[in-house]
PDB file of N, CA and C in Angstrom:
ATOM      1  N   UNK A   1       0.825  -1.193   0.000  1.00  0.00           N
ATOM      2  CA  UNK A   1       0.000   0.000   0.000  1.00  0.00           C
ATOM      3  C   UNK A   1       0.875   1.267   0.000  1.00  0.00           C
ATOM      4  N   UNK A   2       1.946   1.202   0.798  1.00  0.00           N
ATOM      5  CA  UNK A   2       2.837   2.355   0.873  1.00  0.00           C
ATOM      6  C   UNK A   2       3.537   2.600  -0.453  1.00  0.00           C
ATOM      7  N   UNK A   3       3.888   1.544  -1.166  1.00  0.00           N
ATOM      8  CA  UNK A   3       4.564   1.722  -2.457  1.00  0.00           C
ATOM      9  C   UNK A   3       3.641   2.343  -3.489  1.00  0.00           C
ATOM     10  N   UNK A   4       2.346   2.008  -3.418  1.00  0.00           N
ATOM     11  CA  UNK A   4       1.391   2.604  -4.359  1.00  0.00           C
ATOM     12  C   UNK A   4       1.315   4.108  -4.147  1.00  0.00           C
ATOM     13  N   UNK A   5       1.222   4.537  -2.873  1.00  0.00           N
ATOM     14  CA  UNK A   5       1.181   5.974  -2.590  1.00  0.00           C
ATOM     15  C   UNK A   5       2.487   6.652  -2.996  1.00  0.00           C
ATOM     16  N   UNK A   6       3.601   5.966  -2.804  1.00  0.00           N
ATOM     17  CA  UNK A   6       4.892   6.527  -3.202  1.00  0.00           C
ATOM     18  C   UNK A   6       4.956   6.724  -4.715  1.00  0.00           C
ATOM     19  N   UNK A   7       4.494   5.745  -5.459  1.00  0.00           N
ATOM     20  CA  UNK A   7       4.523   5.848  -6.921  1.00  0.00           C
ATOM     21  C   UNK A   7       3.576   6.945  -7.394  1.00  0.00           C
ATOM     22  N   UNK A   8       2.388   7.019  -6.808  1.00  0.00           N
ATOM     23  CA  UNK A   8       1.429   8.056  -7.201  1.00  0.00           C
ATOM     24  C   UNK A   8       1.974   9.442  -6.892  1.00  0.00           C
ATOM     25  N   UNK A   9       2.559   9.620  -5.696  1.00  0.00           N
ATOM     26  CA  UNK A   9       3.110  10.937  -5.352  1.00  0.00           C
ATOM     27  C   UNK A   9       4.291  11.282  -6.244  1.00  0.00           C
ATOM     28  N   UNK A  10       5.087  10.297  -6.609  1.00  0.00           N
ATOM     29  CA  UNK A  10       6.202  10.541  -7.521  1.00  0.00           C
ATOM     30  C   UNK A  10       5.701  10.978  -8.891  1.00  0.00           C
ATOM     31  N   UNK A  11       4.631  10.357  -9.373  1.00  0.00           N
ATOM     32  CA  UNK A  11       4.059  10.757 -10.662  1.00  0.00           C
ATOM     33  C   UNK A  11       3.472  12.160 -10.602  1.00  0.00           C
ATOM     34  N   UNK A  12       2.864  12.519  -9.491  1.00  0.00           N
ATOM     35  CA  UNK A  12       2.316  13.874  -9.339  1.00  0.00           C
ATOM     36  C   UNK A  12       3.438  14.911  -9.363  1.00  0.00           C
ATOM     37  N   UNK A  13       4.502  14.634  -8.625  1.00  0.00           N
ATOM     38  CA  UNK A  13       5.642  15.557  -8.607  1.00  0.00           C
ATOM     39  C   UNK A  13       6.264  15.654  -9.993  1.00  0.00           C
ATOM     40  N   UNK A  14       6.366  14.542 -10.685  1.00  0.00           N
ATOM     41  CA  UNK A  14       6.922  14.546 -12.033  1.00  0.00           C
ATOM     42  C   UNK A  14       6.052  15.366 -12.982  1.00  0.00           C
ATOM     43  N   UNK A  15       4.745  15.275 -12.839  1.00  0.00           N
ATOM     44  CA  UNK A  15       3.846  16.061 -13.680  1.00  0.00           C
ATOM     45  C   UNK A  15       3.995  17.548 -13.395  1.00  0.00           C
ATOM     46  N   UNK A  16       4.114  17.912 -12.116  1.00  0.00           N
ATOM     47  CA  UNK A  16       4.288  19.326 -11.759  1.00  0.00           C
ATOM     48  C   UNK A  16       5.588  19.865 -12.336  1.00  0.00           C
ATOM     49  N   UNK A  17       6.665  19.112 -12.201  1.00  0.00           N
ATOM     50  CA  UNK A  17       7.954  19.541 -12.740  1.00  0.00           C
ATOM     51  C   UNK A  17       7.879  19.660 -14.260  1.00  0.00           C
ATOM     52  N   UNK A  18       7.173  18.749 -14.905  1.00  0.00           N
ATOM     53  CA  UNK A  18       7.021  18.819 -16.355  1.00  0.00           C
ATOM     54  C   UNK A  18       6.280  20.068 -16.801  1.00  0.00           C
ATOM     55  N   UNK A  19       5.210  20.414 -16.076  1.00  0.00           N
ATOM     56  CA  UNK A  19       4.452  21.617 -16.416  1.00  0.00           C
ATOM     57  C   UNK A  19       5.311  22.859 -16.222  1.00  0.00           C
ATOM     58  N   UNK A  20       6.047  22.909 -15.114  1.00  0.00           N
ATOM     59  CA  UNK A  20       6.909  24.071 -14.868  1.00  0.00           C
ATOM     60  C   UNK A  20       8.018  24.171 -15.911  1.00  0.00           C
ATOM     61  N   UNK A  21       8.591  23.049 -16.305  1.00  0.00           N
ATOM     62  CA  UNK A  21       9.643  23.074 -17.327  1.00  0.00           C
ATOM     63  C   UNK A  21       9.076  23.526 -18.670  1.00  0.00           C
ATOM     64  N   UNK A  22       7.865  23.105 -18.976  1.00  0.00           N
ATOM     65  CA  UNK A  22       7.242  23.520 -20.237  1.00  0.00           C
ATOM     66  C   UNK A  22       6.987  25.022 -20.252  1.00  0.00           C
ATOM     67  N   UNK A  23       6.553  25.569 -19.110  1.00  0.00           N
ATOM     68  CA  UNK A  23       6.346  27.014 -19.026  1.00  0.00           C
ATOM     69  C   UNK A  23       7.665  27.759 -19.175  1.00  0.00           C
ATOM     70  N   UNK A  24       8.718  27.222 -18.567  1.00  0.00           N
ATOM     71  CA  UNK A  24      10.023  27.873 -18.614  1.00  0.00           C
ATOM     72  C   UNK A  24      10.581  27.879 -20.030  1.00  0.00           C
ATOM     73  N   UNK A  25      10.366  26.808 -20.765  1.00  0.00           N
ATOM     74  CA  UNK A  25      10.933  26.668 -22.098  1.00  0.00           C
ATOM     75  C   UNK A  25       9.959  27.057 -23.203  1.00  0.00           C
ATOM     76  N   UNK A  26       8.892  27.754 -22.847  1.00  0.00           N
ATOM     77  CA  UNK A  26       7.845  28.056 -23.819  1.00  0.00           C
ATOM     78  C   UNK A  26       8.281  29.052 -24.884  1.00  0.00           C
ATOM     79  N   UNK A  27       9.459  29.613 -24.772  1.00  0.00           N
ATOM     80  CA  UNK A  27       9.946  30.501 -25.811  1.00  0.00           C
ATOM     81  C   UNK A  27       9.728  31.962 -25.512  1.00  0.00           C
ATOM     82  N   UNK A  28       9.287  32.277 -24.324  1.00  0.00           N
ATOM     83  CA  UNK A  28       9.122  33.683 -23.985  1.00  0.00           C
ATOM     84  C   UNK A  28      10.502  34.268 -23.735  1.00  0.00           C
ATOM     85  N   UNK A  29      10.844  35.269 -24.522  1.00  0.00           N
ATOM     86  CA  UNK A  29      12.148  35.894 -24.383  1.00  0.00           C
ATOM     87  C   UNK A  29      11.993  37.175 -23.590  1.00  0.00           C
ATOM     88  N   UNK A  30      12.801  37.314 -22.583  1.00  0.00           N
ATOM     89  CA  UNK A  30      12.761  38.503 -21.751  1.00  0.00           C
ATOM     90  C   UNK A  30      13.840  39.472 -22.207  1.00  0.00           C
ATOM     91  N   UNK A  31      13.524  40.732 -22.150  1.00  0.00           N
ATOM     92  CA  UNK A  31      14.483  41.773 -22.506  1.00  0.00           C
ATOM     93  C   UNK A  31      15.243  42.143 -21.249  1.00  0.00           C
ATOM     94  N   UNK A  32      16.532  42.307 -21.368  1.00  0.00           N
ATOM     95  CA  UNK A  32      17.347  42.692 -20.226  1.00  0.00           C
ATOM     96  C   UNK A  32      16.903  44.044 -19.707  1.00  0.00           C
ATOM     97  N   UNK A  33      16.899  44.229 -18.383  1.00  0.00           N
ATOM     98  CA  UNK A  33      16.461  45.511 -17.847  1.00  0.00           C
ATOM     99  C   UNK A  33      17.353  46.652 -18.335  1.00  0.00           C
ATOM    100  N   UNK A  34      16.739  47.694 -18.800  1.00  0.00           N
ATOM    101  CA  UNK A  34      17.483  48.850 -19.275  1.00  0.00           C
ATOM    102  C   UNK A  34      17.888  48.759 -20.733  1.00  0.00           C
ATOM    103  N   UNK A  35      17.678  47.622 -21.370  1.00  0.00           N
ATOM    104  CA  UNK A  35      18.051  47.468 -22.776  1.00  0.00           C
ATOM    105  C   UNK A  35      16.840  47.781 -23.650  1.00  0.00           C
ATOM    106  N   UNK A  36      17.112  48.255 -24.845  1.00  0.00           N
ATOM    107  CA  UNK A  36      16.037  48.586 -25.774  1.00  0.00           C
ATOM    108  C   UNK A  36      15.373  47.299 -26.254  1.00  0.00           C
ATOM    109  N   UNK A  37      14.036  47.245 -26.252  1.00  0.00           N
ATOM    110  CA  UNK A  37      13.354  46.007 -26.635  1.00  0.00           C
ATOM    111  C   UNK A  37      13.556  45.599 -28.089  1.00  0.00           C
ATOM    112  N   UNK A  38      13.792  46.533 -28.992  1.00  0.00           N
ATOM    113  CA  UNK A  38      13.959  46.198 -30.399  1.00  0.00           C
ATOM    114  C   UNK A  38      15.394  45.919 -30.790  1.00  0.00           C
ATOM    115  N   UNK A  39      16.298  45.962 -29.847  1.00  0.00           N
ATOM    116  CA  UNK A  39      17.716  45.798 -30.148  1.00  0.00           C
ATOM    117  C   UNK A  39      18.072  44.322 -30.293  1.00  0.00           C
ATOM    118  N   UNK A  40      19.164  44.080 -31.009  1.00  0.00           N
ATOM    119  CA  UNK A  40      19.656  42.713 -31.153  1.00  0.00           C
ATOM    120  C   UNK A  40      20.294  42.278 -29.831  1.00  0.00           C
ATOM    121  N   UNK A  41      20.476  40.982 -29.641  1.00  0.00           N
ATOM    122  CA  UNK A  41      21.109  40.519 -28.402  1.00  0.00           C
ATOM    123  C   UNK A  41      22.497  41.120 -28.174  1.00  0.00           C
ATOM    124  N   UNK A  42      23.243  41.345 -29.239  1.00  0.00           N
ATOM    125  CA  UNK A  42      24.573  41.939 -29.090  1.00  0.00           C
ATOM    126  C   UNK A  42      24.453  43.380 -28.591  1.00  0.00           C
ATOM    127  N   UNK A  43      23.508  44.132 -29.153  1.00  0.00           N
ATOM    128  CA  UNK A  43      23.312  45.513 -28.713  1.00  0.00           C
ATOM    129  C   UNK A  43      22.826  45.556 -27.272  1.00  0.00           C
ATOM    130  N   UNK A  44      21.927  44.637 -26.904  1.00  0.00           N
ATOM    131  CA  UNK A  44      21.455  44.579 -25.528  1.00  0.00           C
ATOM    132  C   UNK A  44      22.599  44.275 -24.579  1.00  0.00           C
ATOM    133  N   UNK A  45      23.465  43.347 -24.974  1.00  0.00           N
ATOM    134  CA  UNK A  45      24.612  42.986 -24.155  1.00  0.00           C
ATOM    135  C   UNK A  45      25.542  44.178 -23.964  1.00  0.00           C
ATOM    136  N   UNK A  46      25.791  44.910 -25.042  1.00  0.00           N
ATOM    137  CA  UNK A  46      26.664  46.087 -24.951  1.00  0.00           C
ATOM    138  C   UNK A  46      26.046  47.157 -24.057  1.00  0.00           C
ATOM    139  N   UNK A  47      24.725  47.343 -24.135  1.00  0.00           N
ATOM    140  CA  UNK A  47      24.065  48.333 -23.292  1.00  0.00           C
ATOM    141  C   UNK A  47      24.157  47.946 -21.819  1.00  0.00           C
ATOM    142  N   UNK A  48      23.949  46.670 -21.514  1.00  0.00           N
ATOM    143  CA  UNK A  48      24.031  46.210 -20.126  1.00  0.00           C
ATOM    144  C   UNK A  48      25.459  46.353 -19.616  1.00  0.00           C
ATOM    145  N   UNK A  49      26.445  46.003 -20.450  1.00  0.00           N
ATOM    146  CA  UNK A  49      27.846  46.141 -20.047  1.00  0.00           C
ATOM    147  C   UNK A  49      28.190  47.600 -19.764  1.00  0.00           C
ATOM    148  N   UNK A  50      27.698  48.509 -20.596  1.00  0.00           N
ATOM    149  CA  UNK A  50      27.949  49.936 -20.398  1.00  0.00           C
ATOM    150  C   UNK A  50      27.320  50.421 -19.091  1.00  0.00           C
ATOM    151  N   UNK A  51      26.104  49.956 -18.805  1.00  0.00           N
ATOM    152  CA  UNK A  51      25.448  50.360 -17.558  1.00  0.00           C
ATOM    153  C   UNK A  51      26.208  49.850 -16.349  1.00  0.00           C
ATOM    154  N   UNK A  52      26.702  48.615 -16.411  1.00  0.00           N
ATOM    155  CA  UNK A  52      27.473  48.059 -15.298  1.00  0.00           C
ATOM    156  C   UNK A  52      28.771  48.830 -15.122  1.00  0.00           C
ATOM    157  N   UNK A  53      29.417  49.164 -16.228  1.00  0.00           N
ATOM    158  CA  UNK A  53      30.670  49.923 -16.174  1.00  0.00           C
ATOM    159  C   UNK A  53      30.437  51.285 -15.524  1.00  0.00           C
ATOM    160  N   UNK A  54      29.353  51.965 -15.896  1.00  0.00           N
ATOM    161  CA  UNK A  54      29.048  53.266 -15.305  1.00  0.00           C
ATOM    162  C   UNK A  54      28.746  53.147 -13.817  1.00  0.00           C
ATOM    163  N   UNK A  55      28.043  52.092 -13.431  1.00  0.00           N
ATOM    164  CA  UNK A  55      27.725  51.881 -12.021  1.00  0.00           C
ATOM    165  C   UNK A  55      28.992  51.642 -11.211  1.00  0.00           C
ATOM    166  N   UNK A  56      29.896  50.817 -11.736  1.00  0.00           N
ATOM    167  CA  UNK A  56      31.148  50.530 -11.025  1.00  0.00           C
ATOM    168  C   UNK A  56      32.000  51.789 -10.929  1.00  0.00           C
ATOM    169  N   UNK A  57      32.088  52.547 -12.016  1.00  0.00           N
ATOM    170  CA  UNK A  57      32.878  53.782 -11.980  1.00  0.00           C
ATOM    171  C   UNK A  57      32.289  54.781 -10.991  1.00  0.00           C
ATOM    172  N   UNK A  58      30.975  54.856 -10.912  1.00  0.00           N
ATOM    173  CA  UNK A  58      30.335  55.740  -9.944  1.00  0.00           C
ATOM    174  C   UNK A  58      30.620  55.312  -8.515  1.00  0.00           C
ATOM    175  N   UNK A  59      30.629  54.014  -8.279  1.00  0.00           N
ATOM    176  CA  UNK A  59      30.928  53.514  -6.939  1.00  0.00           C
ATOM    177  C   UNK A  59      32.394  53.759  -6.579  1.00  0.00           C
ATOM    178  N   UNK A  60      33.275  53.701  -7.573  1.00  0.00           N
ATOM    179  CA  UNK A  60      34.703  53.930  -7.315  1.00  0.00           C
ATOM    180  C   UNK A  60      34.981  55.396  -6.981  1.00  0.00           C
ATOM    181  N   UNK A  61      34.137  56.315  -7.465  1.00  0.00           N
ATOM    182  CA  UNK A  61      34.349  57.738  -7.235  1.00  0.00           C
ATOM    183  C   UNK A  61      33.904  58.176  -5.842  1.00  0.00           C
ATOM    184  N   UNK A  62      33.056  57.383  -5.193  1.00  0.00           N
ATOM    185  CA  UNK A  62      32.549  57.764  -3.877  1.00  0.00           C
ATOM    186  C   UNK A  62      33.654  57.606  -2.827  1.00  0.00           C
ATOM    187  N   UNK A  63      33.658  58.536  -1.884  1.00  0.00           N
ATOM    188  CA  UNK A  63      34.665  58.490  -0.814  1.00  0.00           C
ATOM    189  C   UNK A  63      34.315  57.359   0.147  1.00  0.00           C
ATOM    190  N   UNK A  64      35.346  56.659   0.578  1.00  0.00           N
ATOM    191  CA  UNK A  64      35.168  55.548   1.524  1.00  0.00           C
ATOM    192  C   UNK A  64      35.110  56.103   2.940  1.00  0.00           C
ATOM    193  N   UNK A  65      34.156  55.667   3.762  1.00  0.00           N
ATOM    194  CA  UNK A  65      34.091  56.177   5.129  1.00  0.00           C
ATOM    195  C   UNK A  65      35.282  55.687   5.944  1.00  0.00           C
ATOM    196  N   UNK A  66      35.833  56.587   6.741  1.00  0.00           N
ATOM    197  CA  UNK A  66      36.996  56.253   7.554  1.00  0.00           C
ATOM    198  C   UNK A  66      36.539  55.637   8.883  1.00  0.00           C
ATOM    199  N   UNK A  67      37.207  54.582   9.339  1.00  0.00           N
ATOM    200  CA  UNK A  67      36.821  53.937  10.599  1.00  0.00           C
ATOM    201  C   UNK A  67      37.197  54.825  11.792  1.00  0.00           C
ATOM    202  N   UNK A  68      36.434  54.695  12.853  1.00  0.00           N
ATOM    203  CA  UNK A  68      36.735  55.427  14.088  1.00  0.00           C
ATOM    204  C   UNK A  68      37.795  54.666  14.879  1.00  0.00           C
ATOM    205  N   UNK A  69      38.818  55.385  15.330  1.00  0.00           N
ATOM    206  CA  UNK A  69      39.887  54.763  16.116  1.00  0.00           C
ATOM    207  C   UNK A  69      39.757  55.144  17.588  1.00  0.00           C
ATOM    208  N   UNK A  70      38.551  55.183  18.101  1.00  0.00           N
ATOM    209  CA  UNK A  70      38.346  55.584  19.495  1.00  0.00           C
ATOM    210  C   UNK A  70      38.101  54.357  20.364  1.00  0.00           C
ATOM    211  N   UNK A  71      39.087  53.501  20.435  1.00  0.00           N
ATOM    212  CA  UNK A  71      38.960  52.300  21.281  1.00  0.00           C
ATOM    213  C   UNK A  71      39.758  52.454  22.542  1.00  0.00           C
TER     214      UNK A  71
END
């Protein structure tokens, strides 16, 4: 009896995973945040790289807080 329930629950889990995998692979393409929707993947990649570069450069320009030496 226990094996029957185990097999049934395994089939249910397998069906759920199959449905989720089908939704994931359904072909919906997401546009990278901040990239132009009509751009080619190469252009989108270059735009994202440029945004990351600007963010890193902005973070590098900020002054680092100095620790307190009052121990």
